[in-house]
Amino acid sequence: MDREQFITTLANAKLYDLTQDLSIFTPPWPGDKALEIHFFKRLTGAYGGGQGANGQLISWSNSTGTHLVGEKAYYSAGRAIADIPLKDLMGPGVIVDISDLVEDYGLITPEMITSRADVRPGDILIINTGYHRYSWDRPDVYNPEAQGGVENKEFGFFVRHPGPTMEFYKWALDMRLKIVGVDCGTAEHPMNTPIRWMHPREFEKAEAKLKAKYGKTWEEMFPPDEYYRLTHITLPKAHLLFVESVVGQIDELLNQRAWIMVMPIPFVETPMAWARVVAYRPPDGMDEEEFFQILDAAEVYDLTLPFSVQVPQWANYEPLTVKYIKRVGGQNFGLGRNTDLCRASFHLATHMDGEIHFWARGRTIGQVPLDYWLGPAAVADISHLVEDLDVYTPEMIESVVEVREGDILLIKTGWHRYGWNSPDADEFRYMVRHPGPSPDFSDWVISKKIKWLGIDAVSQDHPMNTIQRIWHPKTFEEANRKLKEKFGKDWDEMFPLDKYYQDTHLNLFPKGIVHAENLGKDIAHLPSGRYYVGAYLPKGIECASMWGRFVAMKEGE
């Protein structure tokens, strides 16, 4: 299969978003912190911050919304989320519907799964228990016997859902499953978590049901020491991962196989991470196995910088902080997880600037349909054409790659070489001296109907068309001198402030053309050419920008 066939195949594949809305209203895991959002900057100025952009400061627990549970949630020696290879986060799998086989506090067995779907060694397994009906972003579940005539959704989603038997986990290990996902609060039975002690009345109901059905107490069915060793040592050492709160279009894939991608933010220090979960089915007329073979053979490039407390933030933004609020060793019988509390502004690491970051009536990240973030792309490597503070032009881009109408466009200036985790790291050069686009660039982007842009530098704009011009006057003098030598114009002649200040933000966002910044990692190995590109972003309903996983794919050999 050649490049164009590969891109067309993925562009025409059937796409399903299995991600829960992530909002200030999304309930976190019981006892953890809900998402908080504060505008610390506005275009004209904000309390506690300054002017120049609609900038958000957020605090959150990674157990909120659709999230990947990494090995370090249980096992301190496990892989960091940033160290999990992309190939371990994607692959063929199946979405199994057992919603008619389970009830409140029920147990999930391997036989339930295998009776409904074809599960194969090495699969990603998503279990539809039916409890996503209690997700906060779903309609109410009416019940005349319940208080108020509606089911308590948080209790249904987090406290009363079914969970796996110990035999299920052993079967998952024997099957060498990559990931087990569930459409509810946790991939464990809630009564094998601290919920057992948080809600003792619920535990009494669960144990009464267990005794009636199996004739055993909870601890007879789940011996605490044995359960701890299995879930907190054996499973993470085998690299079996969990993804929780899988919602979205899950009911459209009942007992079907699909190519599943669980795309977490690549955190270094946190044991869990927000994720976008998507599934691809073959386009009409293509055999399912052929489709999976094409994707299995594909070359996949991770364009996302590891996200760490060490990552430098944009000049007056707040960096990432991570505080552990729970450790396994401090919880009853060790039956809990290592849990973190995070705080950060968005303008650091690899992230997508959303429309509302600069345009008051723009869409937030979560309001943009998934298919906008995915599609055919042109990667333009102009690193050999630009130096410090240079201006690049549409002609440079078109000299190295064919750019088609409707493409995603990623620009490789070479500035990824100076990023925080590079052997050639140079923070000042990365932040203040990167190249930027010419005055005709935005008009060209609009004429080409570009979907969104991406850049391997800290900003899509030239630094001297940002606040950096004021903060670094000596660097501006140097940039102005270089511009005169090359174009015969000074900066204000070529880039009048009223038209070109924050050009690609203020002129393109109202057109629906946003951009990703700080692309890195495998972009170093990506030559100019056409690819299938995806920005897999958590579905932040109120978020002006968002981190995510940025991926490029091409056909395998």
Protein backbone atom coordinates (compact mmCIF):
# COMPACT_ATOMS: atom_id res chain seq x y z
CA MET A 1 0.00 0.00 0.00
CA ASP A 2 1.41 3.40 -0.98
CA ARG A 3 1.23 6.62 1.03
CA GLU A 4 -1.86 8.06 -0.63
CA GLN A 5 -3.80 4.81 -0.26
CA PHE A 6 -2.85 4.65 3.42
CA ILE A 7 -3.95 8.22 4.12
CA THR A 8 -7.19 7.75 2.18
CA THR A 9 -7.95 4.51 4.02
CA LEU A 10 -7.66 6.17 7.43
CA ALA A 11 -9.45 9.33 6.31
CA ASN A 12 -12.40 7.19 5.12
CA ALA A 13 -12.44 4.84 8.12
CA LYS A 14 -15.43 4.95 10.44
CA LEU A 15 -14.48 6.89 13.55
CA TYR A 16 -15.96 6.55 17.04
CA ASP A 17 -15.23 8.80 20.00
CA LEU A 18 -15.39 6.86 23.28
CA THR A 19 -14.49 9.79 25.55
CA GLN A 20 -16.45 11.32 28.41
CA ASP A 21 -16.97 15.08 28.43
CA LEU A 22 -14.37 16.67 30.71
CA SER A 23 -15.83 19.63 32.57
CA ILE A 24 -15.94 21.44 35.88
CA PHE A 25 -19.15 19.41 36.29
CA THR A 26 -17.47 16.05 35.68
CA PRO A 27 -17.45 14.22 39.01
CA PRO A 28 -13.97 13.04 40.01
CA TRP A 29 -13.21 9.72 41.63
CA PRO A 30 -14.82 9.96 45.09
CA GLY A 31 -12.63 12.04 47.37
CA ASP A 32 -10.39 13.36 44.58
CA LYS A 33 -10.38 16.90 43.21
CA ALA A 34 -12.77 18.06 40.52
CA LEU A 35 -11.48 20.18 37.65
CA GLU A 36 -11.16 23.87 38.50
CA ILE A 37 -10.61 26.54 35.85
CA HIS A 38 -9.57 30.15 36.39
CA PHE A 39 -8.89 32.76 33.70
CA PHE A 40 -5.72 34.32 35.04
CA LYS A 41 -5.31 36.35 31.83
CA ARG A 42 -7.68 37.94 29.35
CA LEU A 43 -6.91 39.79 26.15
CA THR A 44 -7.33 43.09 27.97
CA GLY A 45 -6.24 41.98 31.44
CA ALA A 46 -7.51 39.80 34.28
CA TYR A 47 -7.51 39.61 38.06
CA GLY A 48 -4.36 37.89 39.26
CA GLY A 49 -2.72 38.02 35.84
CA GLY A 50 -2.20 40.26 32.86
CA GLN A 51 -3.29 40.98 29.34
CA GLY A 52 -2.47 39.41 25.99
CA ALA A 53 -4.54 36.21 25.77
CA ASN A 54 -7.42 34.36 27.35
CA GLY A 55 -5.15 32.21 29.51
CA GLN A 56 -6.42 29.59 31.93
CA LEU A 57 -4.96 28.19 35.11
CA ILE A 58 -6.41 24.82 36.07
CA SER A 59 -6.15 22.39 38.96
CA TRP A 60 -7.32 18.80 38.76
CA SER A 61 -6.99 15.14 39.63
CA ASN A 62 -6.18 12.82 36.75
CA SER A 63 -8.89 10.44 37.99
CA THR A 64 -11.49 12.82 36.51
CA GLY A 65 -13.05 12.02 33.12
CA THR A 66 -11.72 9.44 30.68
CA HIS A 67 -8.24 8.55 31.90
CA LEU A 68 -5.51 5.96 31.62
CA VAL A 69 -4.43 4.25 34.83
CA GLY A 70 -0.69 3.73 34.55
CA GLU A 71 1.45 1.15 36.28
CA LYS A 72 2.69 3.67 38.85
CA ALA A 73 -0.84 4.04 40.18
CA TYR A 74 -0.24 0.71 41.91
CA TYR A 75 3.45 -0.05 41.61
CA SER A 76 6.19 2.52 42.14
CA ALA A 77 8.66 0.75 39.85
CA GLY A 78 6.25 0.74 36.90
CA ARG A 79 6.68 2.64 33.67
CA ALA A 80 5.87 6.34 33.62
CA ILE A 81 3.01 7.16 31.28
CA ALA A 82 5.44 9.11 29.08
CA ASP A 83 7.54 5.93 28.72
CA ILE A 84 4.74 3.67 27.46
CA PRO A 85 5.33 3.13 23.72
CA LEU A 86 2.52 4.24 21.43
CA LYS A 87 2.23 0.71 20.09
CA ASP A 88 1.22 -0.42 23.60
CA LEU A 89 -1.61 2.13 23.55
CA MET A 90 -3.22 1.10 20.28
CA GLY A 91 -4.16 -2.02 18.43
CA PRO A 92 -6.99 -4.34 17.49
CA GLY A 93 -9.55 -4.95 20.13
CA VAL A 94 -13.19 -5.47 20.91
CA ILE A 95 -15.98 -3.61 22.66
CA VAL A 96 -17.95 -6.26 24.56
CA ASP A 97 -21.54 -5.60 25.63
CA ILE A 98 -22.44 -7.47 28.84
CA SER A 99 -24.96 -4.88 30.03
CA ASP A 100 -27.76 -7.48 30.26
CA LEU A 101 -25.59 -9.85 32.33
CA VAL A 102 -24.64 -7.53 35.19
CA GLU A 103 -26.39 -5.55 37.90
CA ASP A 104 -25.56 -3.31 40.83
CA TYR A 105 -22.49 -4.64 42.69
CA GLY A 106 -22.33 -7.65 40.31
CA LEU A 107 -19.21 -9.55 39.29
CA ILE A 108 -17.69 -9.67 35.80
CA THR A 109 -16.30 -13.07 34.77
CA PRO A 110 -14.19 -14.15 31.80
CA GLU A 111 -17.08 -16.34 30.62
CA MET A 112 -19.34 -13.30 30.29
CA ILE A 113 -16.81 -11.69 27.98
CA THR A 114 -16.06 -14.72 25.81
CA SER A 115 -19.75 -15.59 25.46
CA ARG A 116 -20.38 -12.31 23.66
CA ALA A 117 -17.37 -11.51 21.50
CA ASP A 118 -14.22 -12.76 19.84
CA VAL A 119 -11.41 -11.73 22.20
CA ARG A 120 -7.92 -12.54 20.93
CA PRO A 121 -4.49 -12.60 22.58
CA GLY A 122 -2.94 -9.14 22.73
CA ASP A 123 -6.26 -7.31 22.29
CA ILE A 124 -7.45 -4.10 23.84
CA LEU A 125 -10.70 -4.97 25.63
CA ILE A 126 -13.42 -2.40 26.35
CA ILE A 127 -16.28 -3.66 28.53
CA ASN A 128 -19.73 -2.12 28.11
CA THR A 129 -21.40 -2.81 31.45
CA GLY A 130 -24.22 -0.40 30.63
CA TYR A 131 -23.21 1.80 33.56
CA HIS A 132 -22.16 4.62 31.24
CA ARG A 133 -25.88 5.45 31.41
CA TYR A 134 -24.97 7.08 34.74
CA SER A 135 -22.24 9.25 33.21
CA TRP A 136 -22.80 12.90 34.13
CA ASP A 137 -23.07 13.87 30.45
CA ARG A 138 -25.91 11.37 29.76
CA PRO A 139 -29.67 11.92 30.22
CA ASP A 140 -31.18 11.14 33.61
CA VAL A 141 -32.17 7.57 34.38
CA TYR A 142 -35.75 7.69 35.69
CA ASN A 143 -36.84 5.35 38.47
CA PRO A 144 -40.04 5.95 40.46
CA GLU A 145 -38.53 4.05 43.39
CA ALA A 146 -35.50 6.35 43.61
CA GLN A 147 -35.38 9.58 45.55
CA GLY A 148 -36.67 12.36 43.37
CA GLY A 149 -37.73 9.82 40.75
CA VAL A 150 -34.24 9.69 39.19
CA GLU A 151 -31.26 7.45 39.84
CA ASN A 152 -28.32 8.96 41.68
CA LYS A 153 -25.88 9.09 38.77
CA GLU A 154 -22.68 9.52 40.78
CA PHE A 155 -23.51 6.51 42.92
CA GLY A 156 -24.36 4.46 39.85
CA PHE A 157 -21.21 5.44 37.99
CA PHE A 158 -18.71 5.16 40.86
CA VAL A 159 -20.15 3.12 43.70
CA ARG A 160 -22.67 0.54 42.46
CA HIS A 161 -21.27 -0.64 39.15
CA PRO A 162 -20.10 -4.25 38.67
CA GLY A 163 -16.44 -5.21 38.74
CA PRO A 164 -14.11 -8.06 37.81
CA THR A 165 -13.50 -11.25 39.71
CA MET A 166 -9.94 -12.25 40.49
CA GLU A 167 -10.30 -14.94 37.81
CA PHE A 168 -11.01 -12.19 35.28
CA TYR A 169 -7.65 -10.56 35.93
CA LYS A 170 -5.85 -13.90 35.69
CA TRP A 171 -7.61 -14.57 32.39
CA ALA A 172 -6.60 -11.09 31.15
CA LEU A 173 -2.99 -11.91 31.98
CA ASP A 174 -3.20 -15.27 30.19
CA MET A 175 -4.64 -13.46 27.15
CA ARG A 176 -1.80 -10.88 27.30
CA LEU A 177 -4.37 -8.09 26.93
CA LYS A 178 -2.80 -4.66 26.44
CA ILE A 179 -5.52 -2.60 28.05
CA VAL A 180 -8.80 -3.29 29.82
CA GLY A 181 -11.30 -0.45 29.65
CA VAL A 182 -14.65 0.05 31.34
CA ASP A 183 -17.60 2.40 30.87
CA CYS A 184 -17.79 3.29 34.58
CA GLY A 185 -15.71 4.76 37.39
CA THR A 186 -13.08 2.05 37.85
CA ALA A 187 -11.78 -1.16 36.26
CA GLU A 188 -11.86 -2.72 39.72
CA HIS A 189 -14.93 -3.63 41.69
CA PRO A 190 -15.71 -0.50 43.73
CA MET A 191 -15.85 -2.62 46.87
CA ASN A 192 -12.20 -3.56 46.32
CA THR A 193 -11.26 0.12 46.55
CA PRO A 194 -11.47 2.75 49.33
CA ILE A 195 -15.17 3.18 48.37
CA ARG A 196 -15.75 0.12 50.56
CA TRP A 197 -14.83 2.23 53.63
CA MET A 198 -16.18 5.53 52.33
CA HIS A 199 -19.67 4.07 51.85
CA PRO A 200 -20.16 1.27 54.39
CA ARG A 201 -23.91 1.01 53.75
CA GLU A 202 -23.19 0.33 50.08
CA PHE A 203 -20.69 -2.34 51.10
CA GLU A 204 -23.34 -4.03 53.24
CA LYS A 205 -25.65 -4.21 50.22
CA ALA A 206 -22.86 -5.54 48.00
CA GLU A 207 -21.81 -8.22 50.48
CA ALA A 208 -25.41 -9.31 51.06
CA LYS A 209 -25.81 -9.84 47.31
CA LEU A 210 -22.52 -11.75 47.17
CA LYS A 211 -23.52 -14.08 49.99
CA ALA A 212 -26.92 -14.73 48.44
CA LYS A 213 -25.41 -15.60 45.05
CA TYR A 214 -22.10 -17.26 45.93
CA GLY A 215 -22.44 -18.19 49.61
CA LYS A 216 -19.23 -16.33 50.50
CA THR A 217 -18.27 -13.19 52.36
CA TRP A 218 -16.40 -10.46 50.51
CA GLU A 219 -13.05 -11.36 52.03
CA GLU A 220 -13.59 -15.04 51.23
CA MET A 221 -14.24 -14.12 47.60
CA PHE A 222 -11.48 -11.50 47.49
CA PRO A 223 -8.78 -12.34 50.09
CA PRO A 224 -7.18 -8.91 50.69
CA ASP A 225 -3.54 -10.02 50.60
CA GLU A 226 -3.98 -12.10 47.48
CA TYR A 227 -6.01 -9.37 45.76
CA TYR A 228 -3.37 -6.78 46.63
CA ARG A 229 -0.52 -8.88 45.17
CA LEU A 230 -2.51 -9.58 42.00
CA THR A 231 -3.66 -6.05 41.26
CA HIS A 232 -0.81 -4.00 42.73
CA ILE A 233 2.20 -6.09 41.73
CA THR A 234 1.41 -8.82 39.19
CA LEU A 235 -0.78 -6.77 36.83
CA PRO A 236 1.46 -3.69 36.58
CA LYS A 237 4.61 -5.81 36.26
CA ALA A 238 2.90 -7.52 33.30
CA HIS A 239 2.22 -4.02 31.82
CA LEU A 240 -1.57 -4.49 31.82
CA LEU A 241 -3.14 -1.03 31.76
CA PHE A 242 -6.64 0.20 32.62
CA VAL A 243 -8.70 2.94 30.99
CA GLU A 244 -11.72 4.19 32.88
CA SER A 245 -14.83 6.29 32.20
CA VAL A 246 -15.07 5.15 28.58
CA VAL A 247 -18.33 6.69 27.38
CA GLY A 248 -19.08 8.60 24.15
CA GLN A 249 -20.26 6.42 21.26
CA ILE A 250 -19.68 3.12 23.06
CA ASP A 251 -23.22 1.89 22.29
CA GLU A 252 -22.51 2.10 18.55
CA LEU A 253 -19.87 -0.65 18.76
CA LEU A 254 -21.66 -3.48 20.52
CA ASN A 255 -19.58 -6.68 20.34
CA GLN A 256 -17.59 -5.39 17.37
CA ARG A 257 -13.89 -5.48 16.72
CA ALA A 258 -12.13 -2.20 16.02
CA TRP A 259 -8.72 -0.59 15.97
CA ILE A 260 -8.65 1.12 19.36
CA MET A 261 -6.39 3.98 20.40
CA VAL A 262 -6.04 5.11 24.04
CA MET A 263 -4.10 8.35 23.83
CA PRO A 264 -3.05 9.79 27.22
CA ILE A 265 -1.17 12.99 27.93
CA PRO A 266 2.43 11.70 28.33
CA PHE A 267 3.02 12.61 31.96
CA VAL A 268 6.38 11.89 33.56
CA GLU A 269 5.49 12.25 37.23
CA THR A 270 1.80 11.31 37.49
CA PRO A 271 0.45 7.75 37.74
CA MET A 272 -2.73 8.51 35.76
CA ALA A 273 -3.49 10.80 32.83
CA TRP A 274 -6.43 12.21 30.93
CA ALA A 275 -6.88 10.47 27.60
CA ARG A 276 -8.85 10.51 24.35
CA VAL A 277 -10.16 7.06 23.48
CA VAL A 278 -11.14 6.46 19.87
CA ALA A 279 -12.00 3.46 17.72
CA TYR A 280 -11.61 3.01 13.97
CA ARG A 281 -13.63 0.59 11.86
CA PRO A 282 -12.73 -0.16 8.22
CA PRO A 283 -14.17 2.01 5.48
CA ASP A 284 -17.03 0.59 3.45
CA GLY A 285 -15.89 -2.22 1.17
CA MET A 286 -12.69 -3.06 3.10
CA ASP A 287 -12.21 -6.35 4.92
CA GLU A 288 -11.81 -5.97 8.68
CA GLU A 289 -8.67 -8.10 8.92
CA GLU A 290 -7.05 -6.27 6.01
CA PHE A 291 -7.75 -2.96 7.78
CA PHE A 292 -6.17 -4.18 11.01
CA GLN A 293 -3.13 -5.50 9.17
CA ILE A 294 -2.60 -2.12 7.48
CA LEU A 295 -2.69 -0.33 10.82
CA ASP A 296 -0.61 -2.94 12.61
CA ALA A 297 2.14 -2.52 10.00
CA ALA A 298 1.94 1.30 9.99
CA GLU A 299 4.82 3.43 11.19
CA VAL A 300 3.66 5.64 14.05
CA TYR A 301 5.41 8.82 15.20
CA ASP A 302 4.82 10.43 18.58
CA LEU A 303 5.12 14.20 18.14
CA THR A 304 4.44 14.95 21.82
CA LEU A 305 6.99 16.18 24.33
CA PRO A 306 6.98 14.33 27.67
CA PHE A 307 4.94 16.42 30.09
CA SER A 308 6.85 17.11 33.29
CA VAL A 309 7.31 19.59 36.11
CA GLN A 310 10.62 20.32 34.37
CA VAL A 311 8.94 21.68 31.21
CA PRO A 312 9.43 25.45 30.84
CA GLN A 313 6.23 27.44 30.51
CA TRP A 314 5.49 30.41 28.27
CA ALA A 315 7.01 33.49 29.84
CA ASN A 316 4.35 34.69 32.33
CA TYR A 317 2.34 31.50 32.66
CA GLU A 318 2.36 29.09 35.59
CA PRO A 319 4.35 25.83 35.33
CA LEU A 320 3.09 22.35 36.13
CA THR A 321 3.11 21.26 39.75
CA VAL A 322 2.28 17.73 40.91
CA LYS A 323 1.44 16.82 44.48
CA TYR A 324 0.69 13.27 45.59
CA ILE A 325 -2.42 13.30 47.81
CA LYS A 326 -2.71 9.52 48.27
CA ARG A 327 -0.23 6.65 48.34
CA VAL A 328 -1.00 2.94 48.23
CA GLY A 329 0.84 2.37 51.51
CA GLY A 330 -1.38 4.78 53.38
CA GLN A 331 -4.70 3.15 52.46
CA ASN A 332 -6.59 0.24 54.02
CA PHE A 333 -4.96 -3.07 53.07
CA GLY A 334 -3.12 -1.13 50.34
CA LEU A 335 -6.33 -1.36 48.29
CA GLY A 336 -6.06 2.06 46.72
CA ARG A 337 -3.95 3.94 44.21
CA ASN A 338 -1.22 6.53 44.16
CA THR A 339 -3.14 9.69 43.32
CA ASP A 340 -1.96 13.16 42.38
CA LEU A 341 -3.23 16.71 42.38
CA CYS A 342 -2.00 18.88 39.51
CA ARG A 343 -1.96 22.59 38.78
CA ALA A 344 -0.80 24.29 35.57
CA SER A 345 -1.48 26.78 32.86
CA PHE A 346 -1.88 25.38 29.35
CA HIS A 347 0.91 27.16 27.50
CA LEU A 348 3.60 24.58 28.19
CA ALA A 349 4.56 21.23 26.65
CA THR A 350 2.80 20.06 23.49
CA HIS A 351 -0.66 21.57 23.39
CA MET A 352 -3.42 22.79 21.12
CA ASP A 353 -4.48 26.41 21.34
CA GLY A 354 -8.26 26.52 20.97
CA GLU A 355 -10.29 29.24 19.33
CA ILE A 356 -11.44 30.80 22.60
CA HIS A 357 -7.81 31.28 23.66
CA PHE A 358 -7.94 34.49 21.56
CA TRP A 359 -11.49 34.75 20.20
CA ALA A 360 -14.25 35.37 22.74
CA ARG A 361 -16.96 33.67 20.68
CA GLY A 362 -14.77 30.75 19.67
CA ARG A 363 -15.25 27.10 20.46
CA THR A 364 -13.60 25.45 23.42
CA ILE A 365 -11.53 22.33 22.83
CA GLY A 366 -14.37 20.04 23.90
CA GLN A 367 -16.86 21.70 21.58
CA VAL A 368 -14.85 20.78 18.49
CA PRO A 369 -15.83 17.46 16.84
CA LEU A 370 -13.19 14.73 16.94
CA ASP A 371 -12.86 14.49 13.17
CA TYR A 372 -11.62 18.11 13.03
CA TRP A 373 -8.47 17.03 14.87
CA LEU A 374 -7.66 14.15 12.50
CA GLY A 375 -6.90 13.80 8.80
CA PRO A 376 -4.50 14.12 5.88
CA ALA A 377 -1.53 16.33 6.65
CA ALA A 378 1.52 17.91 5.08
CA VAL A 379 4.74 18.02 7.10
CA ALA A 380 7.09 20.77 5.91
CA ASP A 381 10.71 20.44 7.03
CA ILE A 382 12.19 23.91 6.50
CA SER A 383 14.87 23.51 9.15
CA HIS A 384 17.61 23.94 6.53
CA LEU A 385 16.09 27.23 5.38
CA VAL A 386 15.76 29.14 8.66
CA GLU A 387 18.00 30.44 11.43
CA ASP A 388 17.52 32.40 14.63
CA LEU A 389 14.73 35.01 14.39
CA ASP A 390 14.22 34.33 10.68
CA VAL A 391 10.94 34.84 8.82
CA TYR A 392 9.63 31.90 6.81
CA THR A 393 7.24 32.20 3.89
CA PRO A 394 4.56 30.12 2.14
CA GLU A 395 7.02 29.72 -0.74
CA MET A 396 9.49 27.99 1.59
CA ILE A 397 6.82 25.59 2.74
CA GLU A 398 5.61 24.79 -0.78
CA SER A 399 9.21 24.24 -1.90
CA VAL A 400 9.52 21.19 0.39
CA VAL A 401 6.03 19.61 0.38
CA GLU A 402 2.76 19.57 -1.52
CA VAL A 403 0.10 21.31 0.56
CA ARG A 404 -3.49 20.55 -0.45
CA GLU A 405 -6.74 22.27 0.40
CA GLY A 406 -8.12 21.07 3.72
CA ASP A 407 -4.79 19.69 4.99
CA ILE A 408 -3.42 19.78 8.48
CA LEU A 409 -0.05 21.54 8.18
CA LEU A 410 2.88 20.82 10.51
CA ILE A 411 5.94 23.06 10.19
CA LYS A 412 9.32 21.73 11.26
CA THR A 413 11.69 24.62 11.84
CA GLY A 414 14.29 22.52 13.66
CA TRP A 415 13.64 24.34 16.95
CA HIS A 416 12.59 21.06 18.58
CA ARG A 417 16.37 20.56 18.94
CA TYR A 418 16.39 23.18 21.71
CA GLY A 419 13.46 21.77 23.69
CA TRP A 420 13.72 20.97 27.39
CA ASN A 421 14.56 17.26 27.03
CA SER A 422 16.97 17.55 24.10
CA PRO A 423 20.76 17.04 24.38
CA ASP A 424 21.04 20.49 22.78
CA ALA A 425 18.50 22.15 25.09
CA ASP A 426 18.68 25.94 25.01
CA GLU A 427 15.72 27.48 26.78
CA PHE A 428 16.27 31.09 25.75
CA ARG A 429 16.84 30.18 22.13
CA TYR A 430 13.77 27.93 22.17
CA MET A 431 11.50 30.52 23.74
CA VAL A 432 12.69 33.80 22.26
CA ARG A 433 14.72 33.23 19.09
CA HIS A 434 12.66 30.82 16.98
CA PRO A 435 11.58 31.72 13.43
CA GLY A 436 8.09 32.90 12.58
CA PRO A 437 5.80 33.42 9.59
CA SER A 438 5.82 36.21 7.01
CA PRO A 439 2.97 38.77 6.71
CA ASP A 440 1.29 36.85 3.88
CA PHE A 441 1.34 33.54 5.74
CA SER A 442 -2.10 33.75 7.38
CA ASP A 443 -3.79 34.81 4.13
CA TRP A 444 -2.14 31.84 2.41
CA VAL A 445 -3.31 29.48 5.16
CA ILE A 446 -6.88 30.74 4.75
CA SER A 447 -6.71 30.36 0.96
CA LYS A 448 -5.53 26.75 1.37
CA LYS A 449 -8.38 26.05 3.84
CA ILE A 450 -5.91 24.54 6.28
CA LYS A 451 -7.65 22.61 9.10
CA TRP A 452 -5.11 23.44 11.79
CA LEU A 453 -1.40 24.21 12.07
CA GLY A 454 1.39 22.75 14.16
CA ILE A 455 4.87 24.03 14.96
CA ASP A 456 7.95 22.59 16.68
CA ALA A 457 8.53 25.83 18.58
CA VAL A 458 6.94 27.59 21.52
CA SER A 459 4.67 29.76 19.38
CA GLN A 460 3.19 29.67 15.89
CA ASP A 461 3.80 33.41 15.73
CA HIS A 462 7.17 35.06 15.39
CA PRO A 463 8.39 35.90 18.93
CA MET A 464 8.80 39.54 17.91
CA ASN A 465 5.08 39.66 17.09
CA THR A 466 4.33 38.67 20.67
CA ILE A 467 4.97 40.16 24.12
CA GLN A 468 8.56 38.88 23.78
CA ARG A 469 9.28 41.98 21.68
CA ILE A 470 8.72 44.18 24.75
CA TRP A 471 10.38 41.87 27.25
CA HIS A 472 13.53 41.37 25.15
CA PRO A 473 14.33 44.70 23.42
CA LYS A 474 17.92 43.73 22.54
CA THR A 475 16.67 40.61 20.77
CA PHE A 476 14.11 42.77 18.95
CA GLU A 477 16.88 45.09 17.75
CA GLU A 478 18.73 42.08 16.35
CA ALA A 479 15.58 40.74 14.66
CA ASN A 480 14.82 44.17 13.19
CA ARG A 481 18.34 44.46 11.81
CA LYS A 482 18.13 41.01 10.19
CA LEU A 483 14.74 41.87 8.66
CA LYS A 484 16.10 45.06 7.07
CA GLU A 485 19.07 43.15 5.61
CA LYS A 486 16.85 40.45 4.12
CA PHE A 487 13.67 42.32 3.11
CA GLY A 488 14.69 45.99 3.06
CA LYS A 489 12.00 46.90 5.62
CA ASP A 490 12.01 47.48 9.33
CA TRP A 491 9.71 45.50 11.63
CA ASP A 492 6.84 47.99 11.88
CA GLU A 493 6.82 48.49 8.10
CA MET A 494 6.58 44.76 7.43
CA PHE A 495 4.47 43.83 10.46
CA PRO A 496 2.25 46.78 11.46
CA LEU A 497 1.19 45.99 15.03
CA ASP A 498 -2.52 46.64 14.48
CA LYS A 499 -2.60 43.95 11.81
CA TYR A 500 0.12 41.45 12.69
CA TYR A 501 0.42 41.38 16.48
CA GLN A 502 -0.15 37.71 17.43
CA ASP A 503 -0.98 37.26 13.74
CA THR A 504 -1.79 33.54 13.58
CA HIS A 505 -3.78 33.77 16.81
CA LEU A 506 -5.85 36.89 16.19
CA ASN A 507 -6.28 36.56 12.41
CA LEU A 508 -6.78 32.79 12.11
CA PHE A 509 -8.72 31.72 15.20
CA PRO A 510 -11.90 33.57 14.11
CA LYS A 511 -11.61 31.55 10.87
CA GLY A 512 -11.59 28.31 12.87
CA ILE A 513 -7.90 27.66 12.12
CA VAL A 514 -6.07 26.96 15.37
CA HIS A 515 -2.65 25.53 16.04
CA ALA A 516 -0.55 23.14 18.10
CA GLU A 517 2.68 24.36 19.66
CA ASN A 518 5.79 22.66 21.06
CA LEU A 519 5.67 19.62 18.79
CA GLY A 520 8.71 17.46 19.43
CA LYS A 521 10.05 13.97 20.07
CA ASP A 522 9.69 11.94 16.84
CA ILE A 523 9.30 15.05 14.70
CA ALA A 524 13.11 14.95 14.64
CA HIS A 525 12.84 11.87 12.40
CA LEU A 526 9.99 13.10 10.21
CA PRO A 527 10.98 14.23 6.70
CA SER A 528 8.81 16.46 4.57
CA GLY A 529 5.87 14.60 3.13
CA ARG A 530 2.25 13.65 3.48
CA TYR A 531 0.97 11.76 6.53
CA TYR A 532 -2.18 10.96 8.48
CA VAL A 533 -2.07 13.13 11.60
CA GLY A 534 -4.17 13.14 14.74
CA ALA A 535 -4.40 15.43 17.74
CA TYR A 536 -5.97 13.24 20.43
CA LEU A 537 -7.10 15.78 23.03
CA PRO A 538 -9.05 15.28 26.25
CA LYS A 539 -12.56 16.59 25.69
CA GLY A 540 -12.25 19.77 27.77
CA ILE A 541 -15.66 21.41 27.63
CA GLU A 542 -14.60 24.75 29.18
CA CYS A 543 -10.94 24.59 28.17
CA ALA A 544 -9.48 27.26 25.91
CA SER A 545 -6.43 25.09 25.16
CA MET A 546 -5.43 21.52 25.92
CA TRP A 547 -2.52 19.13 26.06
CA GLY A 548 -2.91 15.82 24.27
CA ARG A 549 -1.17 13.22 22.18
CA PHE A 550 -0.05 14.29 18.71
CA VAL A 551 0.58 11.43 16.31
CA ALA A 552 1.65 11.06 12.68
CA MET A 553 1.24 7.80 10.75
CA LYS A 554 2.37 6.43 7.42
CA GLU A 555 2.22 3.09 5.67
CA GLY A 556 4.48 0.28 6.83
CA GLU A 557 7.11 -1.33 4.67
